[in-house]
């Protein structure tokens, strides 16, 4: 069974939309109210390029929330329980955001340009509305906006070779999550050592959407000697690597997750005298073990991919939720990620999973599946 997605004015196109259509995109998804390529017709080849070569991705749907003004740093710290003290201009931080009850509501990368300007590179939720409401309620002098920024990712073991061909050898000196402002043949960019894969690379934050096709084509030409090809953030690789997806792993229908359940505990500062949303709730949550535990699963057989969360069953009772499945070429098995009740003994290794009118057996596995 095949489906299509309608292209209409209620969903925004990215700066690279025309280039991706020209270069053969075959499926889109919707992320942050924008179209984002899902694949270009050969997912196996796209996976192989990511693992063994280099891939380029239109990730303009990874939107930026800009905090700008005298109180920008104050707001940035209030939004996250991670201590931002000591963060320097040109440095990024992975920052969980929580609501007042301690539930995770996003997990962006924060980029600090200066004391009065920050970006939050957000996952799929309307954090600009949250940030604007919080700033207004506090009466702080900070402007919240969505700047003209369109990320393009270059990922894979040869990604830094392509980045160096584009921007010079000095790009290799960027530290993980480090970034700087630059330009490429007059195209204004922020280049960051980041990306949603464990294979490494950079993200080019284009700051002039009218130059989207120009940038796409320059990356394509520079990457040609290295076998670059278009693709999309890869669900299989992210599961193998244990990467977290906010929309999939911690926002399931009526289910929510705390930062401690998702493994963010080391990022939560409960000791220093800093104020942030959800501090009292997080202190209460930290006083007891997490209610659920994040686990990996390996399946017997080859179940179909449901495309939605499904329950994890033990002796006829639901004890957790499976968030996503994928067929892992490197393991030769179907794998998945989920949350289970933390009170289950470590000896509980096998679960039943109802998928497509059948029950499949799944075995607990450490995360990441592949190091």
Protein backbone atom coordinates (compact mmCIF):
# COMPACT_ATOMS: atom_id res chain seq x y z
CA UNK A 1 0.00 0.00 0.00
CA UNK A 2 1.38 3.41 -0.97
CA UNK A 3 0.41 6.87 0.21
CA UNK A 4 1.19 10.44 -0.76
CA UNK A 5 1.40 13.68 1.16
CA UNK A 6 -0.42 16.76 -0.04
CA UNK A 7 1.65 19.90 -0.62
CA UNK A 8 -0.33 22.90 0.58
CA UNK A 9 0.18 26.38 2.02
CA UNK A 10 -0.49 25.34 5.62
CA UNK A 11 2.86 23.50 5.76
CA UNK A 12 6.01 25.47 4.97
CA UNK A 13 8.60 24.52 2.37
CA UNK A 14 12.27 24.62 3.27
CA UNK A 15 14.95 26.68 1.57
CA UNK A 16 16.09 23.43 -0.10
CA UNK A 17 12.65 22.18 -1.16
CA UNK A 18 13.07 22.85 -4.88
CA UNK A 19 16.55 21.29 -4.90
CA UNK A 20 15.35 18.14 -3.15
CA UNK A 21 12.46 17.75 -5.59
CA UNK A 22 14.84 18.21 -8.52
CA UNK A 23 17.22 15.63 -7.04
CA UNK A 24 14.56 12.96 -6.64
CA UNK A 25 12.97 13.10 -3.21
CA UNK A 26 10.32 10.37 -3.01
CA UNK A 27 8.71 10.95 0.39
CA UNK A 28 8.24 13.79 2.85
CA UNK A 29 7.31 13.93 6.49
CA UNK A 30 6.17 16.99 8.46
CA UNK A 31 8.30 18.39 11.29
CA UNK A 32 7.91 21.76 13.01
CA UNK A 33 5.16 22.63 10.50
CA UNK A 34 7.56 22.10 7.58
CA UNK A 35 8.11 19.46 4.93
CA UNK A 36 11.22 17.40 5.56
CA UNK A 37 12.49 14.73 3.14
CA UNK A 38 12.00 11.16 4.38
CA UNK A 39 13.94 9.40 1.61
CA UNK A 40 15.06 9.69 -2.00
CA UNK A 41 13.91 6.30 -3.26
CA UNK A 42 16.72 4.04 -2.06
CA UNK A 43 16.80 3.94 1.77
CA UNK A 44 19.40 1.14 1.75
CA UNK A 45 21.86 3.22 -0.28
CA UNK A 46 21.20 6.27 1.92
CA UNK A 47 21.95 4.19 5.03
CA UNK A 48 25.14 2.87 3.43
CA UNK A 49 26.35 6.38 2.55
CA UNK A 50 25.77 7.51 6.12
CA UNK A 51 27.69 4.54 7.54
CA UNK A 52 30.49 4.30 5.00
CA UNK A 53 30.68 7.56 3.06
CA UNK A 54 28.87 10.87 3.31
CA UNK A 55 25.27 12.07 3.04
CA UNK A 56 23.62 15.49 2.78
CA UNK A 57 20.29 16.18 4.45
CA UNK A 58 17.73 18.97 4.22
CA UNK A 59 17.06 19.53 7.92
CA UNK A 60 15.70 23.07 7.62
CA UNK A 61 12.72 21.86 9.67
CA UNK A 62 15.10 21.90 12.63
CA UNK A 63 13.94 25.41 13.46
CA UNK A 64 15.75 28.01 15.55
CA UNK A 65 14.23 29.98 18.40
CA UNK A 66 16.25 33.16 18.89
CA UNK A 67 16.53 34.83 22.29
CA UNK A 68 17.91 38.34 21.89
CA UNK A 69 18.25 41.22 24.31
CA UNK A 70 19.72 42.15 27.70
CA UNK A 71 17.86 39.29 29.45
CA UNK A 72 18.52 36.63 26.79
CA UNK A 73 20.96 34.72 28.98
CA UNK A 74 18.62 34.94 31.94
CA UNK A 75 15.79 33.44 29.90
CA UNK A 76 18.02 30.75 28.39
CA UNK A 77 18.98 29.57 31.88
CA UNK A 78 15.40 29.73 33.15
CA UNK A 79 14.23 27.46 30.32
CA UNK A 80 16.64 24.59 31.07
CA UNK A 81 17.71 22.72 34.21
CA UNK A 82 21.22 22.37 32.76
CA UNK A 83 23.66 24.86 34.25
CA UNK A 84 24.73 27.22 31.47
CA UNK A 85 27.36 28.96 33.55
CA UNK A 86 30.68 29.05 31.75
CA UNK A 87 29.15 28.59 28.30
CA UNK A 88 31.23 30.65 25.90
CA UNK A 89 30.28 32.35 22.62
CA UNK A 90 30.72 29.81 19.86
CA UNK A 91 29.83 26.92 22.15
CA UNK A 92 26.73 24.72 21.94
CA UNK A 93 25.05 22.76 24.71
CA UNK A 94 22.55 19.89 24.58
CA UNK A 95 19.82 21.17 26.91
CA UNK A 96 16.69 19.39 28.11
CA UNK A 97 13.68 21.68 28.57
CA UNK A 98 11.03 20.78 31.16
CA UNK A 99 7.63 22.12 32.14
CA UNK A 100 6.70 23.13 35.68
CA UNK A 101 5.91 19.51 36.63
CA UNK A 102 9.27 18.20 35.44
CA UNK A 103 8.08 16.62 32.17
CA UNK A 104 10.36 16.94 29.16
CA UNK A 105 8.98 19.25 26.49
CA UNK A 106 11.99 19.44 24.13
CA UNK A 107 15.70 18.61 23.91
CA UNK A 108 17.32 21.29 21.71
CA UNK A 109 20.91 22.25 21.16
CA UNK A 110 21.53 25.74 22.55
CA UNK A 111 23.99 27.91 20.60
CA UNK A 112 25.45 30.94 22.39
CA UNK A 113 26.55 33.75 20.07
CA UNK A 114 27.04 36.35 22.78
CA UNK A 115 25.61 37.22 26.17
CA UNK A 116 22.64 38.91 24.50
CA UNK A 117 21.89 36.37 21.73
CA UNK A 118 21.18 32.64 21.79
CA UNK A 119 19.55 30.10 19.47
CA UNK A 120 17.62 27.04 20.54
CA UNK A 121 17.78 24.47 17.72
CA UNK A 122 14.55 22.72 18.60
CA UNK A 123 12.93 19.36 18.03
CA UNK A 124 9.33 19.04 16.87
CA UNK A 125 7.29 21.34 19.15
CA UNK A 126 6.35 25.01 19.37
CA UNK A 127 9.02 26.16 21.82
CA UNK A 128 8.94 29.72 20.43
CA UNK A 129 5.45 30.07 21.93
CA UNK A 130 6.61 28.67 25.27
CA UNK A 131 9.67 30.92 25.41
CA UNK A 132 7.70 34.03 24.42
CA UNK A 133 5.02 33.37 27.05
CA UNK A 134 7.60 32.78 29.78
CA UNK A 135 9.54 35.93 28.89
CA UNK A 136 6.40 38.06 28.84
CA UNK A 137 5.16 36.69 32.17
CA UNK A 138 8.54 37.45 33.73
CA UNK A 139 8.65 40.94 32.23
CA UNK A 140 12.17 40.39 30.93
CA UNK A 141 13.82 42.48 28.22
CA UNK A 142 14.27 39.80 25.58
CA UNK A 143 12.83 39.34 22.09
CA UNK A 144 11.76 35.90 20.89
CA UNK A 145 11.84 35.28 17.16
CA UNK A 146 12.32 32.63 14.50
CA UNK A 147 15.29 33.89 12.48
CA UNK A 148 15.92 33.17 8.80
CA UNK A 149 17.95 30.01 9.42
CA UNK A 150 17.87 26.76 7.42
CA UNK A 151 20.21 23.95 8.51
CA UNK A 152 21.72 21.54 5.98
CA UNK A 153 23.52 18.54 7.46
CA UNK A 154 26.60 16.76 6.09
CA UNK A 155 26.99 13.45 7.93
CA UNK A 156 29.13 10.32 7.69
CA UNK A 157 32.78 9.27 8.06
CA UNK A 158 33.77 11.42 5.06
CA UNK A 159 31.71 14.44 6.15
CA UNK A 160 34.67 16.43 7.46
CA UNK A 161 36.51 15.88 4.17
CA UNK A 162 33.58 17.48 2.35
CA UNK A 163 33.37 20.29 4.92
CA UNK A 164 37.08 20.97 4.51
CA UNK A 165 36.72 21.04 0.72
CA UNK A 166 33.96 23.62 1.12
CA UNK A 167 35.24 25.78 3.96
CA UNK A 168 38.94 25.02 4.38
CA UNK A 169 40.94 22.71 6.61
CA UNK A 170 40.37 24.91 9.66
CA UNK A 171 36.82 23.56 9.96
CA UNK A 172 38.32 20.35 11.35
CA UNK A 173 39.37 22.23 14.50
CA UNK A 174 35.76 22.81 15.59
CA UNK A 175 34.95 20.92 18.77
CA UNK A 176 31.79 18.87 19.15
CA UNK A 177 28.85 21.33 19.34
CA UNK A 178 31.25 24.17 18.57
CA UNK A 179 30.25 26.64 15.85
CA UNK A 180 31.26 29.83 14.10
CA UNK A 181 29.82 32.33 11.63
CA UNK A 182 31.31 32.26 8.15
CA UNK A 183 30.37 32.52 4.48
CA UNK A 184 30.76 30.44 1.33
CA UNK A 185 31.02 32.38 -1.92
CA UNK A 186 28.93 35.13 -0.35
CA UNK A 187 26.39 32.70 1.18
CA UNK A 188 26.08 33.55 4.89
CA UNK A 189 26.39 30.53 7.20
CA UNK A 190 26.91 29.31 10.70
CA UNK A 191 28.93 26.08 10.61
CA UNK A 192 28.54 23.75 13.60
CA UNK A 193 30.19 20.44 14.49
CA UNK A 194 26.91 18.64 15.10
CA UNK A 195 24.19 16.48 13.54
CA UNK A 196 21.61 13.81 14.37
CA UNK A 197 23.83 10.77 13.84
CA UNK A 198 26.74 9.06 15.57
CA UNK A 199 28.74 9.11 12.33
CA UNK A 200 29.94 12.70 12.76
CA UNK A 201 29.87 15.76 10.54
CA UNK A 202 28.68 19.33 10.40
CA UNK A 203 25.50 21.32 10.04
CA UNK A 204 25.49 24.41 7.83
CA UNK A 205 22.99 26.93 9.22
CA UNK A 206 22.11 28.97 6.13
CA UNK A 207 21.02 32.49 7.15
CA UNK A 208 19.53 33.59 3.82
CA UNK A 209 16.75 31.31 2.60
CA UNK A 210 16.97 32.74 -0.93
CA UNK A 211 20.35 30.98 -1.30
CA UNK A 212 19.06 27.48 -0.48
CA UNK A 213 19.53 25.95 -3.93
CA UNK A 214 22.94 27.66 -4.27
CA UNK A 215 24.17 26.10 -1.02
CA UNK A 216 22.68 22.68 -1.83
CA UNK A 217 24.46 22.64 -5.18
CA UNK A 218 27.80 23.75 -3.73
CA UNK A 219 27.68 20.97 -1.15
CA UNK A 220 26.69 18.51 -3.87
CA UNK A 221 29.64 19.54 -6.07
CA UNK A 222 32.17 19.54 -3.23
CA UNK A 223 30.95 16.13 -2.10
CA UNK A 224 30.92 14.49 -5.54
CA UNK A 225 34.52 13.18 -5.30
CA UNK A 226 33.55 11.55 -1.99
CA UNK A 227 30.35 9.92 -3.29
CA UNK A 228 27.93 12.25 -1.51
CA UNK A 229 24.21 11.74 -2.04
CA UNK A 230 20.98 13.14 -0.64
CA UNK A 231 19.16 11.48 2.21
CA UNK A 232 17.39 12.23 5.47
CA UNK A 233 17.91 11.77 9.21
CA UNK A 234 18.10 7.99 9.43
CA UNK A 235 15.85 6.17 11.88
CA UNK A 236 17.76 2.91 11.59
CA UNK A 237 21.13 4.45 12.44
CA UNK A 238 19.65 6.49 15.25
CA UNK A 239 18.14 3.35 16.83
CA UNK A 240 21.39 1.40 16.46
CA UNK A 241 23.23 4.33 18.08
CA UNK A 242 20.66 4.87 20.84
CA UNK A 243 19.94 8.49 19.88
CA UNK A 244 16.82 10.04 21.39
CA UNK A 245 13.98 11.37 19.24
CA UNK A 246 11.76 13.79 21.13
CA UNK A 247 8.73 13.21 18.93
CA UNK A 248 9.04 9.42 19.03
CA UNK A 249 10.61 8.47 22.34
CA UNK A 250 9.20 10.88 24.90
CA UNK A 251 5.90 12.17 23.56
CA UNK A 252 3.70 9.15 23.00
CA UNK A 253 -0.02 9.93 22.90
CA UNK A 254 -0.88 10.45 26.61
CA UNK A 255 2.53 9.28 27.81
CA UNK A 256 5.23 11.68 28.95
CA UNK A 257 8.76 11.23 30.22
CA UNK A 258 11.01 12.88 32.77
CA UNK A 259 14.65 13.71 32.08
CA UNK A 260 15.71 11.04 34.58
CA UNK A 261 13.78 8.35 32.69
CA UNK A 262 15.46 9.35 29.44
CA UNK A 263 18.98 9.32 30.88
CA UNK A 264 19.40 13.10 31.18
CA UNK A 265 20.03 12.97 34.93
CA UNK A 266 23.69 14.09 34.66
CA UNK A 267 22.54 17.25 32.84
CA UNK A 268 20.14 18.33 35.62
CA UNK A 269 21.72 20.75 38.11
CA UNK A 270 19.99 20.39 41.47
CA UNK A 271 22.81 21.74 43.63
CA UNK A 272 23.82 25.20 42.45
CA UNK A 273 21.76 28.28 43.20
CA UNK A 274 20.19 28.74 39.76
CA UNK A 275 16.52 29.20 38.99
CA UNK A 276 14.77 27.33 36.20
CA UNK A 277 11.34 26.03 35.27
CA UNK A 278 10.44 22.80 37.06
CA UNK A 279 13.21 22.96 39.66
CA UNK A 280 11.00 21.99 42.62
CA UNK A 281 9.38 19.16 40.67
CA UNK A 282 12.76 17.86 39.48
CA UNK A 283 14.09 17.92 43.05
CA UNK A 284 11.14 15.75 44.11
CA UNK A 285 11.63 13.40 41.17
CA UNK A 286 15.36 13.08 41.87
CA UNK A 287 14.65 12.00 45.46
CA UNK A 288 13.28 8.65 44.21
CA UNK A 289 14.39 6.23 41.50
CA UNK A 290 12.81 6.89 38.07
CA UNK A 291 9.47 5.19 37.52
CA UNK A 292 10.51 3.88 34.10
CA UNK A 293 13.68 2.74 32.39
CA UNK A 294 14.78 3.20 28.79
CA UNK A 295 15.76 -0.07 27.11
CA UNK A 296 16.69 -1.56 23.77
CA UNK A 297 14.91 -4.58 22.30
CA UNK A 298 15.85 -7.24 19.75
CA UNK A 299 13.03 -9.21 18.12
CA UNK A 300 12.61 -12.80 17.12
CA UNK A 301 11.60 -12.79 13.47
CA UNK A 302 10.77 -9.77 11.34
CA UNK A 303 7.68 -7.93 12.56
CA UNK A 304 6.17 -5.21 10.36
CA UNK A 305 6.96 -1.64 11.34
CA UNK A 306 3.81 -0.28 13.03
CA UNK A 307 4.67 3.42 12.68
CA UNK A 308 3.23 4.20 16.11
CA UNK A 309 3.88 3.26 19.75
CA UNK A 310 2.79 -0.22 20.88
CA UNK A 311 2.62 -1.77 24.36
CA UNK A 312 5.22 -4.06 25.85
CA UNK A 313 3.48 -6.98 27.54
CA UNK A 314 4.60 -9.26 30.36
CA UNK A 315 2.33 -12.09 31.51
CA UNK A 316 -0.63 -10.38 29.89
CA UNK A 317 -0.04 -6.96 31.49
CA UNK A 318 1.23 -3.83 29.79
CA UNK A 319 4.54 -2.89 31.46
CA UNK A 320 5.85 -0.31 29.02
CA UNK A 321 5.80 1.16 25.55
CA UNK A 322 7.81 0.42 22.43
CA UNK A 323 8.40 3.72 20.60
CA UNK A 324 10.01 2.72 17.30
CA UNK A 325 11.28 -0.28 15.32
CA UNK A 326 13.77 -0.69 12.48
CA UNK A 327 15.45 -3.48 10.57
CA UNK A 328 19.15 -3.23 11.44
CA UNK A 329 21.45 -4.23 8.54
CA UNK A 330 24.48 -4.25 10.83
CA UNK A 331 22.84 -6.63 13.31
CA UNK A 332 20.69 -8.53 10.83
CA UNK A 333 17.77 -8.23 13.23
CA UNK A 334 14.76 -6.05 14.04
CA UNK A 335 15.53 -3.67 16.90
CA UNK A 336 13.56 -1.13 18.90
CA UNK A 337 13.61 1.35 21.77
CA UNK A 338 11.13 1.66 24.60
CA UNK A 339 10.37 2.51 28.22
CA UNK A 340 9.47 -0.13 30.81
CA UNK A 341 8.53 -0.01 34.46
CA UNK A 342 11.73 0.47 36.44
CA UNK A 343 10.58 -1.89 39.19
CA UNK A 344 10.94 -4.87 36.87
CA UNK A 345 13.94 -6.91 37.87
CA UNK A 346 16.92 -6.95 35.55
CA UNK A 347 16.21 -10.64 35.12
CA UNK A 348 13.10 -9.68 33.12
CA UNK A 349 14.58 -10.05 29.67
CA UNK A 350 11.71 -11.08 27.38
CA UNK A 351 8.52 -9.22 26.42
CA UNK A 352 5.55 -9.88 24.17
CA UNK A 353 4.71 -7.16 21.66
CA UNK A 354 1.37 -7.07 19.80
CA UNK A 355 1.91 -5.83 16.23
CA UNK A 356 -0.45 -6.25 13.26
CA UNK A 357 -2.73 -8.91 14.80
CA UNK A 358 0.22 -11.02 15.93
CA UNK A 359 2.37 -11.25 19.04
CA UNK A 360 6.14 -10.99 18.67
CA UNK A 361 8.82 -11.93 21.17
CA UNK A 362 11.38 -9.21 22.06
CA UNK A 363 14.53 -9.51 24.17
CA UNK A 364 16.06 -6.72 26.23
CA UNK A 365 19.33 -5.28 24.88
CA UNK A 366 21.78 -2.66 26.07
CA UNK A 367 21.75 0.80 24.46
CA UNK A 368 23.44 1.63 22.17
CA UNK A 369 23.14 -1.53 20.12
CA UNK A 370 26.35 -0.67 18.27
CA UNK A 371 29.14 1.38 19.82
